[in-house]
N, C-alpha and C. Protein backbone atom coordinates (compact mmCIF):
# COMPACT_ATOMS: atom_id res chain seq x y z
N MET A 1 149.60 60.35 -27.56
CA MET A 1 148.79 60.91 -28.65
C MET A 1 147.31 60.69 -28.37
N PHE A 2 146.52 61.73 -28.54
CA PHE A 2 145.07 61.65 -28.30
C PHE A 2 144.42 60.94 -29.48
N ASP A 3 143.73 59.85 -29.23
CA ASP A 3 143.09 59.05 -30.28
C ASP A 3 141.58 59.08 -30.09
N ALA A 4 140.90 59.92 -30.85
CA ALA A 4 139.45 60.04 -30.73
C ALA A 4 138.75 58.75 -31.12
N ASN A 5 139.34 58.00 -32.04
CA ASN A 5 138.71 56.75 -32.45
C ASN A 5 138.66 55.73 -31.31
N LYS A 6 139.67 55.74 -30.44
CA LYS A 6 139.66 54.84 -29.30
C LYS A 6 138.53 55.20 -28.34
N ILE A 7 138.30 56.49 -28.15
CA ILE A 7 137.20 56.92 -27.29
C ILE A 7 135.87 56.55 -27.90
N LEU A 8 135.75 56.76 -29.21
CA LEU A 8 134.51 56.39 -29.90
C LEU A 8 134.26 54.90 -29.79
N SER A 9 135.32 54.11 -29.90
CA SER A 9 135.18 52.66 -29.75
C SER A 9 134.71 52.29 -28.35
N ALA A 10 135.22 53.01 -27.35
CA ALA A 10 134.79 52.76 -25.96
C ALA A 10 133.31 53.09 -25.80
N LEU A 11 132.89 54.18 -26.41
CA LEU A 11 131.46 54.54 -26.35
C LEU A 11 130.61 53.47 -27.02
N GLN A 12 131.12 52.93 -28.11
CA GLN A 12 130.36 51.95 -28.87
C GLN A 12 130.26 50.60 -28.18
N SER A 13 131.35 50.19 -27.53
CA SER A 13 131.37 48.83 -26.97
C SER A 13 131.35 48.78 -25.45
N GLU A 14 132.20 49.55 -24.80
CA GLU A 14 132.34 49.43 -23.35
C GLU A 14 131.25 50.16 -22.58
N LEU A 15 130.78 51.28 -23.12
CA LEU A 15 129.75 52.03 -22.40
C LEU A 15 128.47 51.22 -22.22
N PRO A 16 127.96 50.56 -23.28
CA PRO A 16 126.78 49.72 -23.07
C PRO A 16 127.02 48.60 -22.06
N LYS A 17 128.24 48.04 -22.06
CA LYS A 17 128.56 46.99 -21.08
C LYS A 17 128.50 47.55 -19.66
N ALA A 18 129.05 48.74 -19.48
CA ALA A 18 129.04 49.35 -18.15
C ALA A 18 127.62 49.64 -17.70
N MET A 19 126.78 50.13 -18.62
CA MET A 19 125.39 50.41 -18.28
C MET A 19 124.65 49.12 -17.92
N ALA A 20 124.92 48.06 -18.66
CA ALA A 20 124.29 46.77 -18.37
C ALA A 20 124.68 46.27 -16.99
N ALA A 21 125.95 46.47 -16.63
CA ALA A 21 126.42 46.05 -15.30
C ALA A 21 125.73 46.84 -14.21
N LEU A 22 125.55 48.13 -14.43
CA LEU A 22 124.86 48.96 -13.45
C LEU A 22 123.41 48.51 -13.27
N LYS A 23 122.76 48.21 -14.37
CA LYS A 23 121.37 47.77 -14.29
C LYS A 23 121.25 46.43 -13.56
N THR A 24 122.23 45.55 -13.79
CA THR A 24 122.24 44.26 -13.10
C THR A 24 122.39 44.48 -11.59
N GLU A 25 123.31 45.39 -11.21
CA GLU A 25 123.50 45.69 -9.79
C GLU A 25 122.23 46.28 -9.19
N GLY A 26 121.60 47.17 -9.95
CA GLY A 26 120.37 47.78 -9.46
C GLY A 26 119.26 46.77 -9.26
N GLN A 27 119.11 45.85 -10.21
CA GLN A 27 118.08 44.83 -10.10
C GLN A 27 118.34 43.91 -8.91
N ALA A 28 119.61 43.53 -8.72
CA ALA A 28 119.95 42.67 -7.57
C ALA A 28 119.60 43.36 -6.26
N GLY A 29 119.88 44.67 -6.19
CA GLY A 29 119.55 45.42 -4.98
C GLY A 29 118.06 45.47 -4.73
N LEU A 30 117.30 45.69 -5.78
CA LEU A 30 115.84 45.74 -5.63
C LEU A 30 115.28 44.38 -5.23
N ASP A 31 115.87 43.32 -5.77
CA ASP A 31 115.41 41.97 -5.41
C ASP A 31 115.65 41.71 -3.92
N ARG A 32 116.79 42.18 -3.40
CA ARG A 32 117.08 42.00 -1.97
C ARG A 32 116.07 42.76 -1.13
N VAL A 33 115.72 43.95 -1.58
CA VAL A 33 114.74 44.75 -0.84
C VAL A 33 113.41 44.01 -0.78
N LYS A 34 113.03 43.35 -1.85
CA LYS A 34 111.75 42.65 -1.91
C LYS A 34 111.71 41.43 -1.00
N THR A 35 112.86 40.78 -0.80
CA THR A 35 112.86 39.49 -0.11
C THR A 35 113.48 39.52 1.29
N ASP A 36 114.22 40.56 1.62
CA ASP A 36 114.94 40.60 2.88
C ASP A 36 114.42 41.78 3.71
N ALA A 37 113.83 41.48 4.85
CA ALA A 37 113.23 42.54 5.68
C ALA A 37 114.28 43.53 6.15
N ASP A 38 115.45 43.03 6.56
CA ASP A 38 116.50 43.94 7.01
C ASP A 38 116.96 44.85 5.87
N ALA A 39 117.14 44.26 4.70
CA ALA A 39 117.55 45.05 3.54
C ALA A 39 116.49 46.08 3.20
N LYS A 40 115.23 45.69 3.38
CA LYS A 40 114.14 46.62 3.07
C LYS A 40 114.20 47.83 3.99
N ASN A 41 114.45 47.61 5.26
CA ASN A 41 114.53 48.72 6.20
C ASN A 41 115.71 49.63 5.89
N ILE A 42 116.83 49.02 5.54
CA ILE A 42 118.03 49.80 5.24
C ILE A 42 117.83 50.63 3.98
N ALA A 43 117.11 50.07 3.03
CA ALA A 43 117.00 50.68 1.71
C ALA A 43 115.91 51.73 1.60
N LEU A 44 115.23 52.02 2.68
CA LEU A 44 114.11 52.96 2.58
C LEU A 44 114.56 54.40 2.30
N GLY A 45 115.84 54.67 2.48
CA GLY A 45 116.33 56.03 2.24
C GLY A 45 116.86 56.21 0.84
N ALA A 46 117.95 56.97 0.75
CA ALA A 46 118.51 57.30 -0.55
C ALA A 46 119.04 56.08 -1.29
N GLY A 47 119.41 55.05 -0.53
CA GLY A 47 119.93 53.85 -1.18
C GLY A 47 118.94 53.23 -2.14
N ALA A 48 117.67 53.23 -1.78
CA ALA A 48 116.66 52.67 -2.66
C ALA A 48 116.56 53.46 -3.94
N ALA A 49 116.63 54.76 -3.80
CA ALA A 49 116.59 55.61 -4.98
C ALA A 49 117.78 55.34 -5.89
N GLY A 50 118.94 55.11 -5.27
CA GLY A 50 120.12 54.82 -6.06
C GLY A 50 120.00 53.52 -6.81
N MET A 51 119.46 52.48 -6.15
CA MET A 51 119.29 51.20 -6.83
C MET A 51 118.27 51.31 -7.96
N LEU A 52 117.22 52.05 -7.69
CA LEU A 52 116.21 52.23 -8.73
C LEU A 52 116.79 53.00 -9.90
N GLY A 53 117.63 54.00 -9.60
CA GLY A 53 118.27 54.75 -10.66
C GLY A 53 119.16 53.86 -11.51
N GLY A 54 119.87 52.93 -10.85
CA GLY A 54 120.71 52.01 -11.60
C GLY A 54 119.92 51.12 -12.52
N LEU A 55 118.69 50.81 -12.15
CA LEU A 55 117.85 49.93 -12.96
C LEU A 55 117.17 50.68 -14.09
N LEU A 56 116.80 51.92 -13.85
CA LEU A 56 115.97 52.65 -14.80
C LEU A 56 116.72 53.75 -15.55
N LEU A 57 118.03 53.69 -15.54
CA LEU A 57 118.81 54.74 -16.20
C LEU A 57 118.32 54.98 -17.63
N SER A 58 117.98 56.21 -17.91
CA SER A 58 117.56 56.54 -19.27
C SER A 58 118.20 57.82 -19.76
N GLY A 59 119.08 58.40 -18.95
CA GLY A 59 119.72 59.63 -19.33
C GLY A 59 121.04 59.37 -20.03
N VAL A 60 122.11 59.99 -19.57
CA VAL A 60 123.39 59.86 -20.24
C VAL A 60 123.76 58.39 -20.38
N ALA A 61 124.01 57.98 -21.62
CA ALA A 61 124.43 56.63 -21.97
C ALA A 61 123.33 55.59 -21.86
N GLY A 62 122.18 55.93 -21.33
CA GLY A 62 121.14 54.93 -21.14
C GLY A 62 120.46 54.52 -22.42
N LYS A 63 120.49 55.40 -23.42
CA LYS A 63 119.86 55.07 -24.70
C LYS A 63 120.85 55.29 -25.83
N PHE A 64 122.05 54.79 -25.64
CA PHE A 64 123.07 54.95 -26.67
C PHE A 64 122.57 54.31 -27.96
N GLY A 65 122.66 55.06 -29.03
CA GLY A 65 122.03 54.65 -30.29
C GLY A 65 122.54 53.34 -30.85
N ARG A 66 121.62 52.51 -31.30
CA ARG A 66 121.97 51.24 -31.94
C ARG A 66 122.80 51.50 -33.19
N GLN A 67 122.49 52.59 -33.90
CA GLN A 67 123.22 52.92 -35.11
C GLN A 67 124.69 53.21 -34.82
N ALA A 68 124.96 53.92 -33.73
CA ALA A 68 126.33 54.28 -33.39
C ALA A 68 127.16 53.05 -33.05
N ALA A 69 126.53 52.04 -32.50
CA ALA A 69 127.25 50.84 -32.09
C ALA A 69 127.82 50.08 -33.28
N THR A 70 127.27 50.29 -34.48
CA THR A 70 127.75 49.59 -35.67
C THR A 70 128.35 50.54 -36.70
N LEU A 71 128.45 51.81 -36.36
CA LEU A 71 128.87 52.81 -37.34
C LEU A 71 130.33 52.69 -37.73
N GLY A 72 131.21 52.48 -36.76
CA GLY A 72 132.64 52.52 -37.04
C GLY A 72 133.25 53.77 -36.44
N GLY A 73 134.40 54.18 -36.94
CA GLY A 73 135.12 55.31 -36.39
C GLY A 73 134.74 56.64 -37.00
N LEU A 74 135.61 57.62 -36.79
CA LEU A 74 135.35 58.97 -37.27
C LEU A 74 135.27 59.02 -38.79
N ALA A 75 136.05 58.18 -39.47
CA ALA A 75 136.02 58.17 -40.92
C ALA A 75 134.65 57.76 -41.44
N ALA A 76 134.04 56.77 -40.79
CA ALA A 76 132.72 56.32 -41.20
C ALA A 76 131.68 57.40 -40.97
N LEU A 77 131.80 58.11 -39.86
CA LEU A 77 130.88 59.20 -39.57
C LEU A 77 131.08 60.34 -40.57
N GLY A 78 132.34 60.61 -40.91
CA GLY A 78 132.62 61.63 -41.91
C GLY A 78 132.03 61.27 -43.27
N THR A 79 132.10 59.99 -43.62
CA THR A 79 131.53 59.53 -44.88
C THR A 79 130.02 59.71 -44.90
N LEU A 80 129.36 59.38 -43.79
CA LEU A 80 127.91 59.56 -43.68
C LEU A 80 127.55 61.03 -43.89
N ALA A 81 128.26 61.91 -43.19
CA ALA A 81 127.99 63.34 -43.31
C ALA A 81 128.28 63.84 -44.72
N TYR A 82 129.38 63.40 -45.30
CA TYR A 82 129.77 63.83 -46.64
C TYR A 82 128.73 63.40 -47.68
N ASN A 83 128.31 62.14 -47.61
CA ASN A 83 127.33 61.64 -48.57
C ASN A 83 126.03 62.42 -48.50
N ALA A 84 125.56 62.68 -47.29
CA ALA A 84 124.32 63.45 -47.13
C ALA A 84 124.48 64.86 -47.68
N TYR A 85 125.61 65.47 -47.40
CA TYR A 85 125.87 66.84 -47.86
C TYR A 85 125.92 66.90 -49.38
N GLN A 86 126.62 65.95 -49.99
CA GLN A 86 126.74 65.93 -51.44
C GLN A 86 125.39 65.69 -52.12
N LYS A 87 124.62 64.77 -51.59
CA LYS A 87 123.30 64.49 -52.16
C LYS A 87 122.38 65.69 -52.03
N HIS A 88 122.49 66.38 -50.90
CA HIS A 88 121.67 67.58 -50.73
C HIS A 88 122.06 68.66 -51.73
N GLN A 89 123.33 68.70 -52.10
CA GLN A 89 123.80 69.66 -53.07
C GLN A 89 123.53 69.23 -54.51
N GLY A 90 122.96 68.03 -54.66
CA GLY A 90 122.65 67.52 -55.99
C GLY A 90 123.86 67.00 -56.73
N GLN A 91 124.90 66.63 -55.99
CA GLN A 91 126.11 66.13 -56.62
C GLN A 91 125.94 64.67 -57.01
N SER A 92 126.37 64.32 -58.20
CA SER A 92 126.34 62.91 -58.62
C SER A 92 127.54 62.19 -58.03
N GLY A 93 127.42 60.87 -57.94
CA GLY A 93 128.52 60.08 -57.40
C GLY A 93 128.73 60.26 -55.92
N ALA A 94 127.66 60.69 -55.22
CA ALA A 94 127.81 60.99 -53.79
C ALA A 94 128.01 59.75 -52.94
N ASP A 95 127.77 58.56 -53.52
CA ASP A 95 127.93 57.35 -52.73
C ASP A 95 129.39 56.90 -52.65
N THR A 96 130.27 57.59 -53.36
CA THR A 96 131.67 57.22 -53.33
C THR A 96 132.47 58.35 -52.68
N ALA A 97 132.34 58.46 -51.39
CA ALA A 97 133.04 59.52 -50.64
C ALA A 97 134.54 59.27 -50.68
N PRO A 98 135.33 60.33 -50.86
CA PRO A 98 136.78 60.15 -50.82
C PRO A 98 137.24 59.72 -49.44
N GLU A 99 138.37 59.03 -49.39
CA GLU A 99 138.91 58.59 -48.11
C GLU A 99 139.17 59.79 -47.21
N GLY A 100 138.73 59.69 -45.96
CA GLY A 100 138.91 60.79 -45.02
C GLY A 100 137.99 61.96 -45.26
N ALA A 101 136.84 61.70 -45.89
CA ALA A 101 135.89 62.78 -46.17
C ALA A 101 135.49 63.51 -44.89
N PHE A 102 135.49 64.82 -44.96
CA PHE A 102 135.10 65.69 -43.85
C PHE A 102 136.05 65.58 -42.66
N LEU A 103 137.22 64.99 -42.86
CA LEU A 103 138.22 64.92 -41.79
C LEU A 103 139.50 65.59 -42.27
N PRO A 104 140.01 66.59 -41.55
CA PRO A 104 141.23 67.27 -41.98
C PRO A 104 142.44 66.35 -41.89
N SER A 105 143.43 66.61 -42.72
CA SER A 105 144.65 65.79 -42.70
C SER A 105 145.60 66.21 -41.58
N ASN A 106 145.53 67.47 -41.17
CA ASN A 106 146.38 67.97 -40.10
C ASN A 106 146.01 67.30 -38.78
N ALA A 107 147.02 66.80 -38.04
CA ALA A 107 146.76 66.02 -36.83
C ALA A 107 146.01 66.82 -35.77
N SER A 108 146.43 68.05 -35.53
CA SER A 108 145.78 68.85 -34.48
C SER A 108 144.34 69.20 -34.87
N ASP A 109 144.12 69.48 -36.16
CA ASP A 109 142.76 69.77 -36.62
C ASP A 109 141.89 68.53 -36.53
N ARG A 110 142.47 67.38 -36.85
CA ARG A 110 141.72 66.13 -36.77
C ARG A 110 141.34 65.83 -35.32
N GLU A 111 142.25 66.12 -34.39
CA GLU A 111 141.95 65.92 -32.97
C GLU A 111 140.79 66.81 -32.55
N ALA A 112 140.80 68.07 -33.02
CA ALA A 112 139.72 68.99 -32.68
C ALA A 112 138.39 68.49 -33.20
N VAL A 113 138.39 67.95 -34.43
CA VAL A 113 137.16 67.39 -35.00
C VAL A 113 136.71 66.19 -34.18
N GLY A 114 137.67 65.34 -33.79
CA GLY A 114 137.33 64.17 -32.97
C GLY A 114 136.70 64.56 -31.66
N LYS A 115 137.27 65.56 -30.99
CA LYS A 115 136.71 66.01 -29.72
C LYS A 115 135.33 66.62 -29.90
N ALA A 116 135.15 67.40 -30.96
CA ALA A 116 133.84 68.01 -31.22
C ALA A 116 132.80 66.94 -31.49
N THR A 117 133.18 65.91 -32.23
CA THR A 117 132.26 64.83 -32.57
C THR A 117 131.84 64.06 -31.33
N ILE A 118 132.81 63.69 -30.50
CA ILE A 118 132.50 62.92 -29.29
C ILE A 118 131.69 63.77 -28.31
N ARG A 119 132.05 65.04 -28.18
CA ARG A 119 131.29 65.93 -27.31
C ARG A 119 129.83 66.01 -27.77
N ALA A 120 129.62 66.06 -29.08
CA ALA A 120 128.27 66.12 -29.62
C ALA A 120 127.49 64.85 -29.30
N MET A 121 128.14 63.70 -29.41
CA MET A 121 127.47 62.43 -29.13
C MET A 121 127.07 62.34 -27.66
N ILE A 122 128.00 62.70 -26.77
CA ILE A 122 127.72 62.61 -25.35
C ILE A 122 126.64 63.61 -24.95
N SER A 123 126.69 64.80 -25.52
CA SER A 123 125.67 65.80 -25.22
C SER A 123 124.29 65.31 -25.66
N ALA A 124 124.22 64.70 -26.83
CA ALA A 124 122.94 64.18 -27.31
C ALA A 124 122.40 63.11 -26.37
N MET A 125 123.30 62.29 -25.80
CA MET A 125 122.86 61.24 -24.88
C MET A 125 122.30 61.81 -23.59
N LYS A 126 122.60 63.07 -23.30
CA LYS A 126 122.09 63.71 -22.10
C LYS A 126 120.73 64.37 -22.32
N ALA A 127 120.20 64.25 -23.53
CA ALA A 127 118.99 65.01 -23.89
C ALA A 127 117.79 64.64 -23.04
N ASP A 128 117.72 63.39 -22.57
CA ASP A 128 116.53 62.98 -21.82
C ASP A 128 116.78 62.84 -20.33
N GLY A 129 117.85 63.47 -19.81
CA GLY A 129 118.06 63.46 -18.37
C GLY A 129 119.51 63.26 -17.99
N GLN A 130 119.77 63.35 -16.70
CA GLN A 130 121.13 63.22 -16.17
C GLN A 130 121.23 61.99 -15.27
N ILE A 131 122.39 61.42 -15.22
CA ILE A 131 122.64 60.28 -14.34
C ILE A 131 122.95 60.80 -12.93
N GLU A 132 122.48 60.10 -11.92
CA GLU A 132 122.72 60.51 -10.54
C GLU A 132 124.21 60.33 -10.18
N ALA A 133 124.66 61.11 -9.21
CA ALA A 133 126.08 61.11 -8.85
C ALA A 133 126.58 59.74 -8.42
N ALA A 134 125.79 59.03 -7.63
CA ALA A 134 126.22 57.70 -7.15
C ALA A 134 126.36 56.73 -8.30
N GLU A 135 125.42 56.77 -9.25
CA GLU A 135 125.48 55.87 -10.40
C GLU A 135 126.61 56.30 -11.33
N LYS A 136 126.86 57.60 -11.43
CA LYS A 136 127.95 58.08 -12.27
C LYS A 136 129.29 57.56 -11.76
N ALA A 137 129.45 57.54 -10.44
CA ALA A 137 130.70 57.04 -9.85
C ALA A 137 130.90 55.57 -10.22
N LYS A 138 129.83 54.78 -10.18
CA LYS A 138 129.93 53.37 -10.56
C LYS A 138 130.26 53.22 -12.04
N LEU A 139 129.62 54.05 -12.85
CA LEU A 139 129.88 54.02 -14.29
C LEU A 139 131.34 54.32 -14.58
N PHE A 140 131.88 55.34 -13.91
CA PHE A 140 133.28 55.70 -14.13
C PHE A 140 134.21 54.60 -13.65
N ASP A 141 133.82 53.90 -12.59
CA ASP A 141 134.64 52.80 -12.10
C ASP A 141 134.76 51.71 -13.15
N HIS A 142 133.64 51.44 -13.85
CA HIS A 142 133.67 50.46 -14.93
C HIS A 142 134.54 50.96 -16.09
N LEU A 143 134.34 52.22 -16.48
CA LEU A 143 135.04 52.76 -17.63
C LEU A 143 136.53 52.97 -17.37
N ALA A 144 136.91 53.08 -16.09
CA ALA A 144 138.32 53.28 -15.76
C ALA A 144 139.18 52.11 -16.20
N LYS A 145 138.56 50.96 -16.42
CA LYS A 145 139.31 49.75 -16.77
C LYS A 145 139.55 49.62 -18.27
N ILE A 146 138.98 50.50 -19.07
CA ILE A 146 139.13 50.37 -20.51
C ILE A 146 140.49 50.86 -20.97
N ASP A 147 140.89 50.42 -22.14
CA ASP A 147 142.23 50.70 -22.66
C ASP A 147 142.29 52.07 -23.33
N LEU A 148 142.39 53.11 -22.50
CA LEU A 148 142.56 54.47 -22.98
C LEU A 148 143.70 55.13 -22.23
N SER A 149 144.33 56.11 -22.84
CA SER A 149 145.38 56.86 -22.15
C SER A 149 144.75 57.72 -21.07
N ASP A 150 145.58 58.25 -20.20
CA ASP A 150 145.07 59.12 -19.14
C ASP A 150 144.36 60.34 -19.73
N ALA A 151 144.94 60.91 -20.79
CA ALA A 151 144.34 62.09 -21.42
C ALA A 151 142.99 61.75 -22.05
N GLU A 152 142.91 60.57 -22.67
CA GLU A 152 141.65 60.16 -23.31
C GLU A 152 140.58 59.89 -22.27
N LYS A 153 140.96 59.22 -21.18
CA LYS A 153 140.00 58.98 -20.10
C LYS A 153 139.54 60.29 -19.46
N ALA A 154 140.49 61.19 -19.26
CA ALA A 154 140.14 62.48 -18.66
C ALA A 154 139.12 63.22 -19.52
N PHE A 155 139.33 63.20 -20.83
CA PHE A 155 138.40 63.87 -21.73
C PHE A 155 137.03 63.20 -21.67
N LEU A 156 136.99 61.87 -21.74
CA LEU A 156 135.73 61.14 -21.72
C LEU A 156 134.98 61.38 -20.41
N PHE A 157 135.68 61.26 -19.28
CA PHE A 157 135.03 61.44 -17.97
C PHE A 157 134.55 62.87 -17.79
N ASP A 158 135.34 63.82 -18.28
CA ASP A 158 134.97 65.23 -18.15
C ASP A 158 133.68 65.50 -18.92
N GLU A 159 133.60 64.98 -20.13
CA GLU A 159 132.40 65.22 -20.95
C GLU A 159 131.18 64.51 -20.37
N LEU A 160 131.36 63.32 -19.83
CA LEU A 160 130.25 62.61 -19.21
C LEU A 160 129.78 63.32 -17.93
N SER A 161 130.71 64.00 -17.25
CA SER A 161 130.37 64.65 -15.98
C SER A 161 129.64 65.97 -16.16
N LYS A 162 129.88 66.64 -17.25
CA LYS A 162 129.31 67.97 -17.46
C LYS A 162 127.81 67.93 -17.66
N PRO A 163 127.11 68.98 -17.26
CA PRO A 163 125.70 69.08 -17.64
C PRO A 163 125.59 69.35 -19.13
N LEU A 164 124.44 69.09 -19.68
CA LEU A 164 124.21 69.33 -21.10
C LEU A 164 124.48 70.79 -21.44
N ASP A 165 125.30 71.01 -22.47
CA ASP A 165 125.65 72.36 -22.90
C ASP A 165 125.62 72.43 -24.42
N ILE A 166 124.43 72.67 -24.96
CA ILE A 166 124.29 72.71 -26.41
C ILE A 166 125.05 73.89 -27.02
N HIS A 167 125.26 74.93 -26.22
CA HIS A 167 126.01 76.09 -26.71
C HIS A 167 127.43 75.70 -27.09
N GLN A 168 128.07 74.85 -26.28
CA GLN A 168 129.42 74.40 -26.59
C GLN A 168 129.43 73.52 -27.83
N VAL A 169 128.44 72.66 -27.97
CA VAL A 169 128.34 71.80 -29.15
C VAL A 169 128.27 72.66 -30.40
N VAL A 170 127.44 73.67 -30.38
CA VAL A 170 127.28 74.55 -31.54
C VAL A 170 128.56 75.36 -31.78
N ALA A 171 129.20 75.81 -30.71
CA ALA A 171 130.43 76.58 -30.84
C ALA A 171 131.54 75.78 -31.50
N ASP A 172 131.50 74.46 -31.35
CA ASP A 172 132.50 73.60 -31.97
C ASP A 172 132.37 73.55 -33.49
N ALA A 173 131.22 73.94 -34.02
CA ALA A 173 130.96 73.87 -35.46
C ALA A 173 131.59 75.07 -36.16
N THR A 174 132.88 74.99 -36.38
CA THR A 174 133.63 76.12 -36.92
C THR A 174 133.61 76.17 -38.45
N SER A 175 132.91 75.25 -39.09
CA SER A 175 132.77 75.25 -40.54
C SER A 175 131.45 74.57 -40.88
N PRO A 176 130.91 74.84 -42.08
CA PRO A 176 129.66 74.16 -42.47
C PRO A 176 129.80 72.64 -42.47
N GLU A 177 130.96 72.15 -42.90
CA GLU A 177 131.18 70.71 -42.93
C GLU A 177 131.16 70.11 -41.53
N LEU A 178 131.79 70.80 -40.59
CA LEU A 178 131.82 70.28 -39.22
C LEU A 178 130.43 70.36 -38.59
N ALA A 179 129.65 71.37 -38.97
CA ALA A 179 128.28 71.46 -38.47
C ALA A 179 127.48 70.23 -38.90
N VAL A 180 127.66 69.81 -40.14
CA VAL A 180 126.97 68.62 -40.64
C VAL A 180 127.43 67.38 -39.88
N GLU A 181 128.73 67.27 -39.65
CA GLU A 181 129.25 66.09 -38.95
C GLU A 181 128.81 66.07 -37.49
N ILE A 182 128.74 67.23 -36.85
CA ILE A 182 128.28 67.29 -35.47
C ILE A 182 126.82 66.85 -35.37
N TYR A 183 126.00 67.27 -36.31
CA TYR A 183 124.60 66.83 -36.28
C TYR A 183 124.53 65.33 -36.54
N ALA A 184 125.31 64.83 -37.50
CA ALA A 184 125.30 63.40 -37.80
C ALA A 184 125.71 62.58 -36.59
N ALA A 185 126.73 63.04 -35.86
CA ALA A 185 127.18 62.34 -34.67
C ALA A 185 126.09 62.32 -33.61
N SER A 186 125.42 63.44 -33.44
CA SER A 186 124.33 63.53 -32.46
C SER A 186 123.19 62.60 -32.85
N LEU A 187 122.92 62.55 -34.14
CA LEU A 187 121.81 61.75 -34.65
C LEU A 187 121.99 60.27 -34.37
N VAL A 188 123.18 59.75 -34.66
CA VAL A 188 123.38 58.31 -34.52
C VAL A 188 123.61 57.88 -33.08
N ALA A 189 123.82 58.84 -32.18
CA ALA A 189 124.16 58.50 -30.79
C ALA A 189 122.96 58.20 -29.92
N ILE A 190 121.75 58.50 -30.39
CA ILE A 190 120.59 58.40 -29.51
C ILE A 190 119.42 57.73 -30.20
N ASN A 191 118.41 57.44 -29.39
CA ASN A 191 117.13 56.95 -29.89
C ASN A 191 116.35 58.15 -30.42
N THR A 192 116.22 58.25 -31.72
CA THR A 192 115.65 59.46 -32.31
C THR A 192 114.15 59.58 -32.12
N GLN A 193 113.50 58.55 -31.58
CA GLN A 193 112.04 58.58 -31.45
C GLN A 193 111.57 59.08 -30.09
N GLY A 194 112.46 59.27 -29.15
CA GLY A 194 112.06 59.82 -27.85
C GLY A 194 111.72 61.29 -28.00
N PRO A 195 110.70 61.79 -27.30
CA PRO A 195 110.31 63.19 -27.44
C PRO A 195 111.41 64.17 -27.06
N ALA A 196 112.16 63.87 -26.00
CA ALA A 196 113.25 64.76 -25.61
C ALA A 196 114.35 64.77 -26.65
N GLU A 197 114.64 63.59 -27.21
CA GLU A 197 115.68 63.49 -28.23
C GLU A 197 115.27 64.22 -29.50
N LYS A 198 114.00 64.06 -29.90
CA LYS A 198 113.50 64.76 -31.09
C LYS A 198 113.63 66.27 -30.91
N ALA A 199 113.25 66.76 -29.74
CA ALA A 199 113.32 68.20 -29.47
C ALA A 199 114.77 68.67 -29.49
N TYR A 200 115.66 67.86 -28.93
CA TYR A 200 117.08 68.23 -28.91
C TYR A 200 117.63 68.34 -30.33
N LEU A 201 117.35 67.34 -31.16
CA LEU A 201 117.87 67.34 -32.52
C LEU A 201 117.31 68.51 -33.33
N ALA A 202 116.03 68.82 -33.14
CA ALA A 202 115.43 69.95 -33.84
C ALA A 202 116.10 71.26 -33.42
N ASP A 203 116.33 71.41 -32.13
CA ASP A 203 116.99 72.61 -31.62
C ASP A 203 118.41 72.70 -32.15
N LEU A 204 119.11 71.57 -32.15
CA LEU A 204 120.49 71.56 -32.63
C LEU A 204 120.56 71.93 -34.11
N ALA A 205 119.68 71.37 -34.92
CA ALA A 205 119.67 71.68 -36.34
C ALA A 205 119.44 73.17 -36.58
N THR A 206 118.54 73.76 -35.80
CA THR A 206 118.27 75.19 -35.93
C THR A 206 119.49 76.01 -35.54
N ARG A 207 120.11 75.66 -34.43
CA ARG A 207 121.27 76.41 -33.95
C ARG A 207 122.46 76.27 -34.90
N LEU A 208 122.58 75.10 -35.54
CA LEU A 208 123.66 74.87 -36.49
C LEU A 208 123.36 75.47 -37.86
N LYS A 209 122.13 76.01 -38.01
CA LYS A 209 121.69 76.63 -39.27
C LYS A 209 121.73 75.64 -40.44
N LEU A 210 121.29 74.42 -40.17
CA LEU A 210 121.23 73.39 -41.21
C LEU A 210 119.92 73.49 -41.98
N ASP A 211 120.01 73.41 -43.27
CA ASP A 211 118.81 73.41 -44.11
C ASP A 211 117.96 72.18 -43.78
N PRO A 212 116.64 72.34 -43.68
CA PRO A 212 115.78 71.18 -43.37
C PRO A 212 115.96 70.02 -44.35
N GLY A 213 116.20 70.35 -45.61
CA GLY A 213 116.42 69.29 -46.60
C GLY A 213 117.68 68.50 -46.31
N LEU A 214 118.72 69.19 -45.84
CA LEU A 214 119.96 68.51 -45.48
C LEU A 214 119.75 67.62 -44.26
N VAL A 215 118.98 68.11 -43.29
CA VAL A 215 118.67 67.32 -42.11
C VAL A 215 117.96 66.02 -42.51
N THR A 216 117.01 66.14 -43.43
CA THR A 216 116.30 64.95 -43.92
C THR A 216 117.28 63.99 -44.59
N ARG A 217 118.21 64.53 -45.38
CA ARG A 217 119.22 63.69 -46.04
C ARG A 217 120.07 62.95 -45.02
N LEU A 218 120.44 63.64 -43.95
CA LEU A 218 121.24 63.00 -42.90
C LEU A 218 120.48 61.85 -42.25
N HIS A 219 119.20 62.06 -41.98
CA HIS A 219 118.39 60.98 -41.41
C HIS A 219 118.30 59.82 -42.40
N ASP A 220 118.12 60.13 -43.67
CA ASP A 220 118.01 59.08 -44.69
C ASP A 220 119.33 58.31 -44.79
N GLU A 221 120.44 59.03 -44.77
CA GLU A 221 121.74 58.40 -44.90
C GLU A 221 122.02 57.49 -43.72
N ALA A 222 121.57 57.90 -42.54
CA ALA A 222 121.75 57.08 -41.34
C ALA A 222 120.65 56.02 -41.20
N LEU A 223 119.69 56.03 -42.12
CA LEU A 223 118.57 55.10 -42.09
C LEU A 223 117.79 55.20 -40.78
N LEU A 224 117.59 56.43 -40.34
CA LEU A 224 116.86 56.69 -39.11
C LEU A 224 115.68 57.61 -39.42
N PRO A 225 114.51 57.39 -38.79
CA PRO A 225 113.37 58.24 -39.05
C PRO A 225 113.58 59.65 -38.54
N ALA A 226 113.03 60.60 -39.27
CA ALA A 226 113.16 62.01 -38.88
C ALA A 226 112.16 62.33 -37.78
């Protein structure tokens, strides 16, 4: 059974660990270059670039949002989106979202929502650049050890491998409610103050046809600056 919450948990906990390990490896390599003449000669080619990339990663997964790390699973994200949507509509009692808000009860539909949500988060993390192939291979080696099924790992690795495709993210928004949840997922997944991330979120909101007031509500609900 495909469990989107398990993948989300891996993004929240294991992905930052994998990135930290890559940065540690990169720093160790750079330190060797600084102190070892033989290593310095060897590293003058692409290897040096690879080590530097491992240290300075800022693209996919490099700025995974602090908010996402404490958010919880899909239900928590659905609640965030629901509360913002209700408040934007002027509904009273919006702080008491029903259980499973913005999540369908049908298993296959819920899986589709889970995949759309995770795809949106990973796409948002790609907003400020791409990870190099050599570093991506190391990242996948770390993530291969996490407790996911083959299907779940395949989905996660496939989405991390793809270039940024905002068209697919928008195409996943098959209802107004899912459009709100996709934006909310993108919002909490990244550092919203980076210029590339700001531009990405603005473009996404426009493509999803979200009212600016609703976008502001989503930022407020996530306690993140617009």
